[in-house]
Amino acid sequence: MLIQLDFSAVFSQWPMLLRGVAWTIGLTVVGTVLGLLLGTACAWARSRNLGPRPAALRWVVAAYVELVRNTPFIVQLFFLFFGLPALGLKLSPELASVLAMVINLGAYSSEIIRAGIEATPRGQVEAAASLALTPGQTFRRVVLPPALQKVWPSMVSQIIIVMLGSAVCGQISTPELSYAANLISSNTFRAFEAFIVATIVYLALSMLTRRLLVWVGARFLVGR
């Protein structure tokens, strides 16, 4: 028996599909920016190459990183959306999705960035101190740029993983791409075609995002 594909039924729902793509891109952009900021702060807190840090701060950050890195993303998402209301804090699906992506990327990126920081020669930090740079200036101008250069390929891969992980957010009714594909499948009874289209879109988004991030790294990191 031959399967007769009918993509016209799927493409007739293009506004819903386009909205899903827009939400996936939006979640990825916000999650990446805030997640990298969180990861950088956590890497600074745990790095031994930048001088002593309060022990309590290191333990709190280490606990956060280990907790997130050793639990599934969907569990983290469900905890924020279904668990927090038990404590009196109810989040919208969109806010819970963004927060889960930020928390997840922050934990993974902190270890990636910390590896780059630890690879920075101690002499560079001491040279910055001899030039009367403050610890903040030393971190921003001397330590962080070369650290990001070293680890940027790994960071790009992690960002792509987080973007693809946003497909889970449809489970709490965030209107991203996989949620749109599910709705189109229900409306048209063309599940095979709907998810073929979703797969192709995810593939295109991944390739374009990787190229964009590689260009950003070459332009603003290596170019320095």
N, C-alpha and C. Protein backbone atom coordinates (compact mmCIF):
# COMPACT_ATOMS: atom_id res chain seq x y z
N MET A 1 0.84 -1.20 0.00
CA MET A 1 0.00 0.00 0.00
C MET A 1 0.87 1.24 0.00
N LEU A 2 0.65 2.11 -0.96
CA LEU A 2 1.43 3.33 -1.08
C LEU A 2 0.86 4.42 -0.19
N ILE A 3 1.77 5.14 0.44
CA ILE A 3 1.36 6.27 1.27
C ILE A 3 1.24 7.51 0.39
N GLN A 4 0.12 8.14 0.41
CA GLN A 4 -0.10 9.35 -0.37
C GLN A 4 0.11 10.56 0.53
N LEU A 5 1.16 11.31 0.25
CA LEU A 5 1.48 12.48 1.05
C LEU A 5 0.70 13.69 0.55
N ASP A 6 0.24 14.48 1.47
CA ASP A 6 -0.50 15.69 1.14
C ASP A 6 0.02 16.84 2.00
N PHE A 7 1.05 17.51 1.51
CA PHE A 7 1.64 18.60 2.26
C PHE A 7 0.82 19.89 2.16
N SER A 8 -0.09 19.94 1.19
CA SER A 8 -0.90 21.14 1.05
C SER A 8 -1.76 21.37 2.29
N ALA A 9 -2.22 20.29 2.91
CA ALA A 9 -3.03 20.42 4.12
C ALA A 9 -2.21 21.03 5.25
N VAL A 10 -0.93 20.67 5.30
CA VAL A 10 -0.05 21.22 6.33
C VAL A 10 0.27 22.69 6.05
N PHE A 11 0.61 22.97 4.82
CA PHE A 11 0.99 24.34 4.48
C PHE A 11 -0.19 25.30 4.51
N SER A 12 -1.40 24.75 4.46
CA SER A 12 -2.57 25.63 4.60
C SER A 12 -2.66 26.21 6.01
N GLN A 13 -1.93 25.58 6.94
CA GLN A 13 -1.88 26.06 8.32
C GLN A 13 -0.62 26.89 8.57
N TRP A 14 -0.12 27.55 7.53
CA TRP A 14 1.16 28.23 7.62
C TRP A 14 1.22 29.33 8.70
N PRO A 15 0.13 30.05 9.01
CA PRO A 15 0.26 31.05 10.09
C PRO A 15 0.65 30.40 11.43
N MET A 16 0.05 29.24 11.72
CA MET A 16 0.37 28.54 12.96
C MET A 16 1.82 28.05 12.94
N LEU A 17 2.26 27.55 11.77
CA LEU A 17 3.63 27.08 11.63
C LEU A 17 4.62 28.22 11.79
N LEU A 18 4.30 29.35 11.17
CA LEU A 18 5.18 30.51 11.26
C LEU A 18 5.26 31.04 12.69
N ARG A 19 4.14 31.02 13.38
CA ARG A 19 4.14 31.45 14.78
C ARG A 19 5.01 30.53 15.63
N GLY A 20 4.93 29.22 15.36
CA GLY A 20 5.77 28.28 16.09
C GLY A 20 7.25 28.51 15.86
N VAL A 21 7.62 28.80 14.61
CA VAL A 21 9.02 29.10 14.29
C VAL A 21 9.47 30.37 15.02
N ALA A 22 8.61 31.39 15.02
CA ALA A 22 8.95 32.65 15.68
C ALA A 22 9.16 32.44 17.18
N TRP A 23 8.30 31.61 17.79
CA TRP A 23 8.45 31.35 19.23
C TRP A 23 9.72 30.56 19.52
N THR A 24 10.03 29.60 18.66
CA THR A 24 11.27 28.82 18.85
C THR A 24 12.49 29.73 18.77
N ILE A 25 12.50 30.62 17.79
CA ILE A 25 13.62 31.56 17.66
C ILE A 25 13.68 32.50 18.85
N GLY A 26 12.51 33.01 19.26
CA GLY A 26 12.49 33.93 20.40
C GLY A 26 12.97 33.28 21.69
N LEU A 27 12.49 32.06 21.95
CA LEU A 27 12.93 31.34 23.14
C LEU A 27 14.44 31.10 23.11
N THR A 28 14.95 30.77 21.93
CA THR A 28 16.38 30.50 21.80
C THR A 28 17.21 31.75 22.04
N VAL A 29 16.78 32.87 21.47
CA VAL A 29 17.54 34.11 21.62
C VAL A 29 17.58 34.55 23.08
N VAL A 30 16.41 34.62 23.70
CA VAL A 30 16.35 35.06 25.10
C VAL A 30 17.07 34.07 26.01
N GLY A 31 16.83 32.78 25.80
CA GLY A 31 17.49 31.77 26.62
C GLY A 31 18.99 31.79 26.47
N THR A 32 19.48 32.04 25.24
CA THR A 32 20.92 32.06 25.01
C THR A 32 21.57 33.26 25.68
N VAL A 33 21.00 34.44 25.49
CA VAL A 33 21.60 35.64 26.06
C VAL A 33 21.64 35.57 27.58
N LEU A 34 20.49 35.27 28.18
CA LEU A 34 20.43 35.23 29.64
C LEU A 34 21.19 34.02 30.19
N GLY A 35 21.14 32.91 29.48
CA GLY A 35 21.86 31.72 29.93
C GLY A 35 23.36 31.91 29.91
N LEU A 36 23.88 32.59 28.89
CA LEU A 36 25.32 32.86 28.83
C LEU A 36 25.74 33.82 29.93
N LEU A 37 24.90 34.81 30.21
CA LEU A 37 25.22 35.73 31.31
C LEU A 37 25.25 34.97 32.65
N LEU A 38 24.27 34.11 32.86
CA LEU A 38 24.24 33.32 34.09
C LEU A 38 25.43 32.37 34.16
N GLY A 39 25.74 31.74 33.04
CA GLY A 39 26.86 30.81 33.00
C GLY A 39 28.19 31.50 33.25
N THR A 40 28.33 32.72 32.70
CA THR A 40 29.57 33.48 32.92
C THR A 40 29.71 33.84 34.40
N ALA A 41 28.63 34.28 35.02
CA ALA A 41 28.68 34.62 36.44
C ALA A 41 29.02 33.39 37.29
N CYS A 42 28.44 32.25 36.96
CA CYS A 42 28.74 31.03 37.72
C CYS A 42 30.18 30.58 37.49
N ALA A 43 30.67 30.72 36.26
CA ALA A 43 32.06 30.36 35.99
C ALA A 43 33.01 31.25 36.77
N TRP A 44 32.70 32.53 36.85
CA TRP A 44 33.53 33.45 37.66
C TRP A 44 33.52 33.04 39.12
N ALA A 45 32.37 32.62 39.62
CA ALA A 45 32.25 32.26 41.04
C ALA A 45 33.03 31.00 41.38
N ARG A 46 33.15 30.08 40.40
CA ARG A 46 33.80 28.80 40.70
C ARG A 46 35.26 28.73 40.27
N SER A 47 35.71 29.67 39.46
CA SER A 47 37.08 29.59 38.93
C SER A 47 38.11 29.83 40.02
N ARG A 48 39.12 28.98 40.06
CA ARG A 48 40.21 29.13 41.01
C ARG A 48 41.35 29.94 40.43
N ASN A 49 41.22 30.29 39.16
CA ASN A 49 42.29 31.02 38.48
C ASN A 49 42.19 32.52 38.71
N LEU A 50 41.13 32.97 39.39
CA LEU A 50 40.90 34.41 39.57
C LEU A 50 41.00 34.83 41.02
N GLY A 51 41.60 34.00 41.84
CA GLY A 51 41.72 34.34 43.24
C GLY A 51 40.66 33.65 44.08
N PRO A 52 40.73 33.79 45.38
CA PRO A 52 39.78 33.10 46.29
C PRO A 52 38.36 33.64 46.16
N ARG A 53 37.41 32.74 46.34
CA ARG A 53 35.99 33.09 46.35
C ARG A 53 35.40 32.60 47.67
N PRO A 54 34.32 33.24 48.15
CA PRO A 54 33.67 32.74 49.36
C PRO A 54 33.25 31.29 49.19
N ALA A 55 33.56 30.49 50.19
CA ALA A 55 33.26 29.06 50.10
C ALA A 55 31.77 28.81 49.91
N ALA A 56 30.94 29.58 50.61
CA ALA A 56 29.49 29.38 50.49
C ALA A 56 29.01 29.63 49.07
N LEU A 57 29.57 30.65 48.42
CA LEU A 57 29.19 30.96 47.04
C LEU A 57 29.58 29.82 46.11
N ARG A 58 30.78 29.29 46.28
CA ARG A 58 31.23 28.18 45.43
C ARG A 58 30.34 26.96 45.63
N TRP A 59 29.95 26.68 46.87
CA TRP A 59 29.12 25.50 47.13
C TRP A 59 27.72 25.66 46.53
N VAL A 60 27.16 26.86 46.65
CA VAL A 60 25.83 27.09 46.09
C VAL A 60 25.84 26.93 44.58
N VAL A 61 26.83 27.53 43.93
CA VAL A 61 26.93 27.43 42.48
C VAL A 61 27.20 25.99 42.06
N ALA A 62 28.09 25.31 42.76
CA ALA A 62 28.38 23.91 42.43
C ALA A 62 27.14 23.04 42.57
N ALA A 63 26.35 23.27 43.62
CA ALA A 63 25.11 22.50 43.81
C ALA A 63 24.14 22.75 42.67
N TYR A 64 23.99 24.01 42.26
CA TYR A 64 23.11 24.35 41.14
C TYR A 64 23.55 23.66 39.85
N VAL A 65 24.85 23.73 39.57
CA VAL A 65 25.37 23.14 38.34
C VAL A 65 25.16 21.63 38.33
N GLU A 66 25.49 20.96 39.42
CA GLU A 66 25.34 19.52 39.48
C GLU A 66 23.88 19.09 39.40
N LEU A 67 23.00 19.85 40.06
CA LEU A 67 21.58 19.53 40.02
C LEU A 67 21.03 19.60 38.61
N VAL A 68 21.35 20.67 37.90
CA VAL A 68 20.81 20.86 36.55
C VAL A 68 21.44 19.88 35.57
N ARG A 69 22.73 19.67 35.67
CA ARG A 69 23.43 18.80 34.71
C ARG A 69 23.08 17.33 34.89
N ASN A 70 22.49 16.97 36.02
CA ASN A 70 22.20 15.56 36.29
C ASN A 70 20.70 15.28 36.39
N THR A 71 19.90 16.18 35.86
CA THR A 71 18.45 15.94 35.79
C THR A 71 17.97 16.28 34.39
N PRO A 72 16.92 15.61 33.89
CA PRO A 72 16.42 15.89 32.54
C PRO A 72 15.81 17.29 32.43
N PHE A 73 15.92 17.85 31.25
CA PHE A 73 15.37 19.18 31.01
C PHE A 73 13.86 19.21 31.23
N ILE A 74 13.17 18.13 30.81
CA ILE A 74 11.72 18.12 30.95
C ILE A 74 11.31 18.11 32.42
N VAL A 75 12.11 17.49 33.28
CA VAL A 75 11.81 17.50 34.72
C VAL A 75 11.97 18.91 35.27
N GLN A 76 13.01 19.61 34.84
CA GLN A 76 13.22 21.00 35.28
C GLN A 76 12.06 21.87 34.82
N LEU A 77 11.63 21.68 33.58
CA LEU A 77 10.51 22.45 33.05
C LEU A 77 9.22 22.18 33.82
N PHE A 78 8.94 20.91 34.07
CA PHE A 78 7.72 20.54 34.80
C PHE A 78 7.76 21.04 36.24
N PHE A 79 8.95 21.04 36.85
CA PHE A 79 9.06 21.55 38.22
C PHE A 79 8.69 23.03 38.26
N LEU A 80 9.19 23.80 37.29
CA LEU A 80 8.89 25.23 37.27
C LEU A 80 7.41 25.49 37.00
N PHE A 81 6.82 24.72 36.08
CA PHE A 81 5.45 25.01 35.66
C PHE A 81 4.41 24.36 36.56
N PHE A 82 4.65 23.11 36.96
CA PHE A 82 3.68 22.38 37.78
C PHE A 82 4.02 22.38 39.26
N GLY A 83 5.31 22.47 39.58
CA GLY A 83 5.73 22.37 40.97
C GLY A 83 5.66 23.67 41.73
N LEU A 84 6.09 24.76 41.11
CA LEU A 84 6.13 26.05 41.82
C LEU A 84 4.76 26.54 42.25
N PRO A 85 3.67 26.28 41.51
CA PRO A 85 2.36 26.72 42.01
C PRO A 85 2.02 26.17 43.39
N ALA A 86 2.59 25.02 43.76
CA ALA A 86 2.36 24.50 45.10
C ALA A 86 2.97 25.39 46.16
N LEU A 87 3.96 26.20 45.76
CA LEU A 87 4.58 27.16 46.67
C LEU A 87 3.99 28.54 46.53
N GLY A 88 2.94 28.66 45.71
CA GLY A 88 2.27 29.94 45.53
C GLY A 88 2.82 30.78 44.40
N LEU A 89 3.68 30.19 43.56
CA LEU A 89 4.28 30.93 42.44
C LEU A 89 3.85 30.28 41.14
N LYS A 90 2.92 30.91 40.44
CA LYS A 90 2.42 30.36 39.18
C LYS A 90 3.02 31.12 38.01
N LEU A 91 3.64 30.39 37.09
CA LEU A 91 4.28 30.98 35.93
C LEU A 91 3.47 30.67 34.67
N SER A 92 3.49 31.58 33.72
CA SER A 92 2.87 31.30 32.43
C SER A 92 3.73 30.27 31.69
N PRO A 93 3.14 29.56 30.72
CA PRO A 93 3.94 28.58 29.96
C PRO A 93 5.17 29.22 29.31
N GLU A 94 4.99 30.42 28.77
CA GLU A 94 6.11 31.08 28.09
C GLU A 94 7.22 31.44 29.07
N LEU A 95 6.85 32.00 30.22
CA LEU A 95 7.86 32.39 31.21
C LEU A 95 8.55 31.17 31.79
N ALA A 96 7.80 30.11 32.05
CA ALA A 96 8.41 28.88 32.57
C ALA A 96 9.39 28.29 31.56
N SER A 97 9.04 28.36 30.28
CA SER A 97 9.93 27.83 29.24
C SER A 97 11.23 28.62 29.17
N VAL A 98 11.11 29.95 29.15
CA VAL A 98 12.31 30.78 29.11
C VAL A 98 13.18 30.54 30.33
N LEU A 99 12.56 30.51 31.50
CA LEU A 99 13.32 30.32 32.73
C LEU A 99 14.01 28.97 32.75
N ALA A 100 13.33 27.92 32.29
CA ALA A 100 13.94 26.59 32.25
C ALA A 100 15.13 26.57 31.30
N MET A 101 15.00 27.21 30.14
CA MET A 101 16.10 27.23 29.18
C MET A 101 17.29 28.02 29.72
N VAL A 102 17.01 29.13 30.39
CA VAL A 102 18.09 29.94 30.98
C VAL A 102 18.82 29.15 32.05
N ILE A 103 18.06 28.51 32.93
CA ILE A 103 18.67 27.73 34.02
C ILE A 103 19.49 26.58 33.45
N ASN A 104 18.96 25.91 32.43
CA ASN A 104 19.65 24.77 31.85
C ASN A 104 20.94 25.20 31.15
N LEU A 105 20.84 26.19 30.28
CA LEU A 105 22.04 26.65 29.57
C LEU A 105 23.05 27.27 30.53
N GLY A 106 22.56 27.97 31.56
CA GLY A 106 23.47 28.58 32.52
C GLY A 106 24.36 27.55 33.18
N ALA A 107 23.80 26.40 33.55
CA ALA A 107 24.58 25.37 34.22
C ALA A 107 25.62 24.76 33.27
N TYR A 108 25.19 24.42 32.07
CA TYR A 108 26.12 23.79 31.13
C TYR A 108 27.18 24.78 30.66
N SER A 109 26.77 26.00 30.35
CA SER A 109 27.74 26.97 29.85
C SER A 109 28.74 27.39 30.92
N SER A 110 28.34 27.33 32.20
CA SER A 110 29.26 27.70 33.26
C SER A 110 30.48 26.78 33.27
N GLU A 111 30.25 25.49 33.06
CA GLU A 111 31.37 24.55 33.04
C GLU A 111 32.22 24.72 31.79
N ILE A 112 31.57 25.03 30.67
CA ILE A 112 32.32 25.27 29.44
C ILE A 112 33.20 26.51 29.58
N ILE A 113 32.62 27.58 30.08
CA ILE A 113 33.37 28.83 30.24
C ILE A 113 34.46 28.67 31.30
N ARG A 114 34.15 27.95 32.37
CA ARG A 114 35.15 27.75 33.42
C ARG A 114 36.37 27.00 32.89
N ALA A 115 36.13 26.05 31.98
CA ALA A 115 37.26 25.35 31.37
C ALA A 115 38.16 26.32 30.60
N GLY A 116 37.54 27.27 29.90
CA GLY A 116 38.33 28.27 29.18
C GLY A 116 39.08 29.19 30.13
N ILE A 117 38.43 29.56 31.24
CA ILE A 117 39.08 30.43 32.22
C ILE A 117 40.27 29.72 32.85
N GLU A 118 40.10 28.46 33.20
CA GLU A 118 41.18 27.71 33.83
C GLU A 118 42.36 27.52 32.88
N ALA A 119 42.09 27.59 31.57
CA ALA A 119 43.17 27.46 30.60
C ALA A 119 43.94 28.76 30.39
N THR A 120 43.45 29.85 30.96
CA THR A 120 44.14 31.13 30.84
C THR A 120 45.36 31.14 31.76
N PRO A 121 46.54 31.45 31.23
CA PRO A 121 47.74 31.45 32.07
C PRO A 121 47.60 32.39 33.25
N ARG A 122 48.04 31.94 34.40
CA ARG A 122 47.97 32.75 35.61
C ARG A 122 48.77 34.03 35.46
N GLY A 123 49.81 33.99 34.64
CA GLY A 123 50.64 35.18 34.43
C GLY A 123 49.87 36.34 33.83
N GLN A 124 48.84 36.04 33.01
CA GLN A 124 48.04 37.13 32.43
C GLN A 124 47.26 37.85 33.52
N VAL A 125 46.73 37.10 34.47
CA VAL A 125 45.99 37.72 35.57
C VAL A 125 46.93 38.56 36.41
N GLU A 126 48.12 38.06 36.69
CA GLU A 126 49.09 38.80 37.49
C GLU A 126 49.57 40.05 36.75
N ALA A 127 49.73 39.94 35.43
CA ALA A 127 50.14 41.11 34.64
C ALA A 127 49.07 42.19 34.67
N ALA A 128 47.81 41.78 34.61
CA ALA A 128 46.71 42.75 34.68
C ALA A 128 46.70 43.44 36.04
N ALA A 129 46.95 42.67 37.10
CA ALA A 129 46.99 43.26 38.44
C ALA A 129 48.14 44.25 38.56
N SER A 130 49.26 43.96 37.92
CA SER A 130 50.40 44.88 37.98
C SER A 130 50.15 46.18 37.24
N LEU A 131 49.17 46.15 36.32
CA LEU A 131 48.79 47.36 35.58
C LEU A 131 47.66 48.11 36.28
N ALA A 132 47.37 47.71 37.51
CA ALA A 132 46.37 48.37 38.36
C ALA A 132 44.94 48.19 37.83
N LEU A 133 44.69 47.12 37.08
CA LEU A 133 43.32 46.82 36.66
C LEU A 133 42.56 46.22 37.83
N THR A 134 41.30 46.59 37.94
CA THR A 134 40.47 46.02 38.99
C THR A 134 40.15 44.56 38.65
N PRO A 135 39.71 43.77 39.64
CA PRO A 135 39.33 42.39 39.33
C PRO A 135 38.26 42.30 38.24
N GLY A 136 37.31 43.22 38.27
CA GLY A 136 36.27 43.21 37.24
C GLY A 136 36.83 43.51 35.86
N GLN A 137 37.73 44.50 35.77
CA GLN A 137 38.36 44.82 34.48
C GLN A 137 39.23 43.67 34.00
N THR A 138 39.94 43.05 34.92
CA THR A 138 40.78 41.91 34.56
C THR A 138 39.94 40.78 33.97
N PHE A 139 38.81 40.51 34.60
CA PHE A 139 37.96 39.43 34.12
C PHE A 139 37.37 39.75 32.76
N ARG A 140 36.84 40.97 32.60
CA ARG A 140 36.17 41.34 31.35
C ARG A 140 37.13 41.52 30.19
N ARG A 141 38.32 42.06 30.44
CA ARG A 141 39.20 42.44 29.34
C ARG A 141 40.35 41.48 29.10
N VAL A 142 40.77 40.79 30.16
CA VAL A 142 41.97 39.96 30.03
C VAL A 142 41.64 38.46 30.03
N VAL A 143 40.70 38.05 30.88
CA VAL A 143 40.44 36.63 31.06
C VAL A 143 39.32 36.12 30.17
N LEU A 144 38.17 36.80 30.15
CA LEU A 144 36.99 36.28 29.47
C LEU A 144 37.13 36.18 27.95
N PRO A 145 37.64 37.21 27.24
CA PRO A 145 37.73 37.09 25.78
C PRO A 145 38.53 35.88 25.29
N PRO A 146 39.77 35.67 25.77
CA PRO A 146 40.49 34.47 25.30
C PRO A 146 39.85 33.16 25.76
N ALA A 147 39.20 33.20 26.93
CA ALA A 147 38.51 31.99 27.40
C ALA A 147 37.38 31.62 26.46
N LEU A 148 36.60 32.61 26.03
CA LEU A 148 35.50 32.34 25.10
C LEU A 148 36.02 31.90 23.74
N GLN A 149 37.15 32.44 23.31
CA GLN A 149 37.75 31.98 22.06
C GLN A 149 38.03 30.49 22.10
N LYS A 150 38.56 30.02 23.21
CA LYS A 150 38.95 28.61 23.32
C LYS A 150 37.72 27.69 23.32
N VAL A 151 36.65 28.11 23.93
CA VAL A 151 35.52 27.19 24.15
C VAL A 151 34.33 27.49 23.24
N TRP A 152 34.44 28.47 22.34
CA TRP A 152 33.27 28.86 21.55
C TRP A 152 32.68 27.72 20.73
N PRO A 153 33.48 26.86 20.07
CA PRO A 153 32.85 25.74 19.34
C PRO A 153 31.98 24.86 20.23
N SER A 154 32.45 24.57 21.44
CA SER A 154 31.63 23.78 22.36
C SER A 154 30.39 24.54 22.79
N MET A 155 30.52 25.86 22.96
CA MET A 155 29.38 26.67 23.35
C MET A 155 28.32 26.70 22.24
N VAL A 156 28.76 26.78 21.00
CA VAL A 156 27.83 26.77 19.88
C VAL A 156 27.01 25.48 19.89
N SER A 157 27.69 24.36 20.08
CA SER A 157 26.98 23.07 20.12
C SER A 157 25.97 23.03 21.26
N GLN A 158 26.33 23.58 22.40
CA GLN A 158 25.42 23.57 23.55
C GLN A 158 24.20 24.44 23.29
N ILE A 159 24.40 25.57 22.64
CA ILE A 159 23.27 26.45 22.32
C ILE A 159 22.31 25.75 21.35
N ILE A 160 22.86 25.02 20.38
CA ILE A 160 22.02 24.27 19.45
C ILE A 160 21.21 23.22 20.21
N ILE A 161 21.85 22.54 21.15
CA ILE A 161 21.14 21.52 21.95
C ILE A 161 19.99 22.15 22.73
N VAL A 162 20.22 23.32 23.29
CA VAL A 162 19.16 24.00 24.04
C VAL A 162 18.04 24.43 23.11
N MET A 163 18.39 24.90 21.91
CA MET A 163 17.36 25.29 20.96
C MET A 163 16.48 24.09 20.59
N LEU A 164 17.11 22.95 20.30
CA LEU A 164 16.33 21.75 19.97
C LEU A 164 15.55 21.26 21.18
N GLY A 165 16.09 21.47 22.38
CA GLY A 165 15.37 21.09 23.59
C GLY A 165 14.12 21.90 23.83
N SER A 166 14.02 23.06 23.17
CA SER A 166 12.82 23.88 23.33
C SER A 166 11.57 23.17 22.82
N ALA A 167 11.77 22.10 22.03
CA ALA A 167 10.62 21.33 21.54
C ALA A 167 9.82 20.73 22.70
N VAL A 168 10.50 20.48 23.82
CA VAL A 168 9.82 19.93 25.00
C VAL A 168 8.82 20.94 25.58
N CYS A 169 9.08 22.23 25.35
CA CYS A 169 8.23 23.26 25.95
C CYS A 169 6.80 23.20 25.44
N GLY A 170 6.59 22.55 24.31
CA GLY A 170 5.23 22.37 23.83
C GLY A 170 4.39 21.53 24.77
N GLN A 171 5.04 20.76 25.65
CA GLN A 171 4.30 19.92 26.59
C GLN A 171 3.53 20.73 27.63
N ILE A 172 3.93 22.00 27.81
CA ILE A 172 3.19 22.86 28.74
C ILE A 172 2.44 23.97 27.97
N SER A 173 2.21 23.71 26.67
CA SER A 173 1.41 24.60 25.81
C SER A 173 2.13 25.89 25.42
N THR A 174 3.44 25.90 25.46
CA THR A 174 4.17 27.02 24.86
C THR A 174 4.07 26.88 23.35
N PRO A 175 3.63 27.92 22.64
CA PRO A 175 3.32 27.75 21.21
C PRO A 175 4.53 27.75 20.29
N GLU A 176 5.53 26.88 20.60
CA GLU A 176 6.71 26.81 19.74
C GLU A 176 6.46 25.80 18.61
N LEU A 177 7.52 25.44 17.88
CA LEU A 177 7.36 24.70 16.63
C LEU A 177 6.74 23.32 16.83
N SER A 178 7.20 22.55 17.82
CA SER A 178 6.65 21.21 18.00
C SER A 178 5.19 21.27 18.43
N TYR A 179 4.83 22.29 19.21
CA TYR A 179 3.44 22.47 19.61
C TYR A 179 2.59 22.79 18.38
N ALA A 180 3.11 23.63 17.50
CA ALA A 180 2.40 23.95 16.26
C ALA A 180 2.23 22.71 15.39
N ALA A 181 3.28 21.88 15.31
CA ALA A 181 3.18 20.66 14.51
C ALA A 181 2.12 19.72 15.08
N ASN A 182 2.03 19.63 16.40
CA ASN A 182 1.00 18.81 17.02
C ASN A 182 -0.40 19.31 16.69
N LEU A 183 -0.58 20.63 16.77
CA LEU A 183 -1.89 21.20 16.46
C LEU A 183 -2.26 20.98 15.00
N ILE A 184 -1.30 21.18 14.11
CA ILE A 184 -1.55 20.97 12.68
C ILE A 184 -1.90 19.51 12.43
N SER A 185 -1.19 18.61 13.09
CA SER A 185 -1.48 17.18 12.96
C SER A 185 -2.91 16.86 13.41
N SER A 186 -3.35 17.49 14.50
CA SER A 186 -4.70 17.25 15.01
C SER A 186 -5.76 17.85 14.09
N ASN A 187 -5.45 19.01 13.50
CA ASN A 187 -6.42 19.70 12.65
C ASN A 187 -6.57 19.05 11.29
N THR A 188 -5.47 18.51 10.76
CA THR A 188 -5.47 18.02 9.38
C THR A 188 -5.43 16.50 9.29
N PHE A 189 -5.16 15.82 10.40
CA PHE A 189 -4.97 14.37 10.41
C PHE A 189 -3.83 13.95 9.48
N ARG A 190 -2.84 14.83 9.35
CA ARG A 190 -1.66 14.56 8.53
C ARG A 190 -0.42 14.64 9.42
N ALA A 191 -0.34 13.69 10.35
CA ALA A 191 0.75 13.73 11.32
C ALA A 191 2.10 13.52 10.64
N PHE A 192 2.16 12.57 9.69
CA PHE A 192 3.43 12.28 9.02
C PHE A 192 3.96 13.52 8.31
N GLU A 193 3.11 14.17 7.55
CA GLU A 193 3.54 15.36 6.81
C GLU A 193 3.88 16.51 7.75
N ALA A 194 3.08 16.67 8.81
CA ALA A 194 3.32 17.77 9.74
C ALA A 194 4.68 17.65 10.40
N PHE A 195 5.05 16.44 10.79
CA PHE A 195 6.33 16.29 11.49
C PHE A 195 7.50 16.19 10.53
N ILE A 196 7.25 15.84 9.27
CA ILE A 196 8.31 15.97 8.27
C ILE A 196 8.67 17.44 8.10
N VAL A 197 7.64 18.29 7.99
CA VAL A 197 7.88 19.72 7.85
C VAL A 197 8.60 20.27 9.09
N ALA A 198 8.14 19.85 10.27
CA ALA A 198 8.78 20.32 11.51
C ALA A 198 10.24 19.88 11.57
N THR A 199 10.51 18.65 11.14
CA THR A 199 11.89 18.16 11.15
C THR A 199 12.78 18.99 10.22
N ILE A 200 12.27 19.28 9.03
CA ILE A 200 13.04 20.08 8.08
C ILE A 200 13.29 21.48 8.62
N VAL A 201 12.28 22.06 9.26
CA VAL A 201 12.44 23.41 9.83
C VAL A 201 13.47 23.40 10.96
N TYR A 202 13.39 22.40 11.84
CA TYR A 202 14.39 22.29 12.92
C TYR A 202 15.80 22.14 12.35
N LEU A 203 15.93 21.33 11.30
CA LEU A 203 17.24 21.14 10.67
C LEU A 203 17.76 22.46 10.10
N ALA A 204 16.88 23.20 9.41
CA ALA A 204 17.28 24.49 8.85
C ALA A 204 17.66 25.48 9.94
N LEU A 205 16.86 25.52 11.01
CA LEU A 205 17.17 26.43 12.12
C LEU A 205 18.50 26.09 12.76
N SER A 206 18.77 24.81 12.93
CA SER A 206 20.04 24.39 13.53
C SER A 206 21.22 24.80 12.68
N MET A 207 21.13 24.57 11.39
CA MET A 207 22.23 24.91 10.48
C MET A 207 22.45 26.42 10.41
N LEU A 208 21.35 27.18 10.33
CA LEU A 208 21.47 28.63 10.26
C LEU A 208 22.01 29.20 11.58
N THR A 209 21.52 28.66 12.70
CA THR A 209 22.00 29.14 13.99
C THR A 209 23.47 28.85 14.18
N ARG A 210 23.91 27.66 13.77
CA ARG A 210 25.33 27.32 13.88
C ARG A 210 26.19 28.27 13.04
N ARG A 211 25.76 28.52 11.81
CA ARG A 211 26.52 29.43 10.94
C ARG A 211 26.57 30.83 11.54
N LEU A 212 25.44 31.29 12.08
CA LEU A 212 25.39 32.62 12.67
C LEU A 212 26.32 32.71 13.88
N LEU A 213 26.28 31.71 14.74
CA LEU A 213 27.11 31.74 15.94
C LEU A 213 28.60 31.61 15.60
N VAL A 214 28.92 30.82 14.60
CA VAL A 214 30.32 30.73 14.16
C VAL A 214 30.78 32.09 13.64
N TRP A 215 29.91 32.76 12.88
CA TRP A 215 30.26 34.10 12.38
C TRP A 215 30.43 35.08 13.53
N VAL A 216 29.54 35.02 14.52
CA VAL A 216 29.66 35.90 15.68
C VAL A 216 30.98 35.67 16.40
N GLY A 217 31.34 34.39 16.58
CA GLY A 217 32.60 34.08 17.23
C GLY A 217 33.80 34.59 16.46
N ALA A 218 33.77 34.41 15.13
CA ALA A 218 34.88 34.88 14.32
C ALA A 218 34.96 36.40 14.28
N ARG A 219 33.82 37.05 14.33
CA ARG A 219 33.77 38.50 14.21
C ARG A 219 34.11 39.20 15.53
N PHE A 220 33.58 38.70 16.63
CA PHE A 220 33.69 39.44 17.90
C PHE A 220 34.63 38.80 18.91
N LEU A 221 35.04 37.54 18.68
CA LEU A 221 35.95 36.90 19.62
C LEU A 221 37.34 36.72 19.02
N VAL A 222 37.41 35.93 17.95
CA VAL A 222 38.70 35.71 17.29
C VAL A 222 39.23 37.00 16.71
N GLY A 223 38.33 37.85 16.21
CA GLY A 223 38.75 39.12 15.62
C GLY A 223 39.40 40.06 16.58
N ARG A 224 39.15 39.84 17.88
CA ARG A 224 39.75 40.71 18.88
C ARG A 224 41.27 40.58 18.90
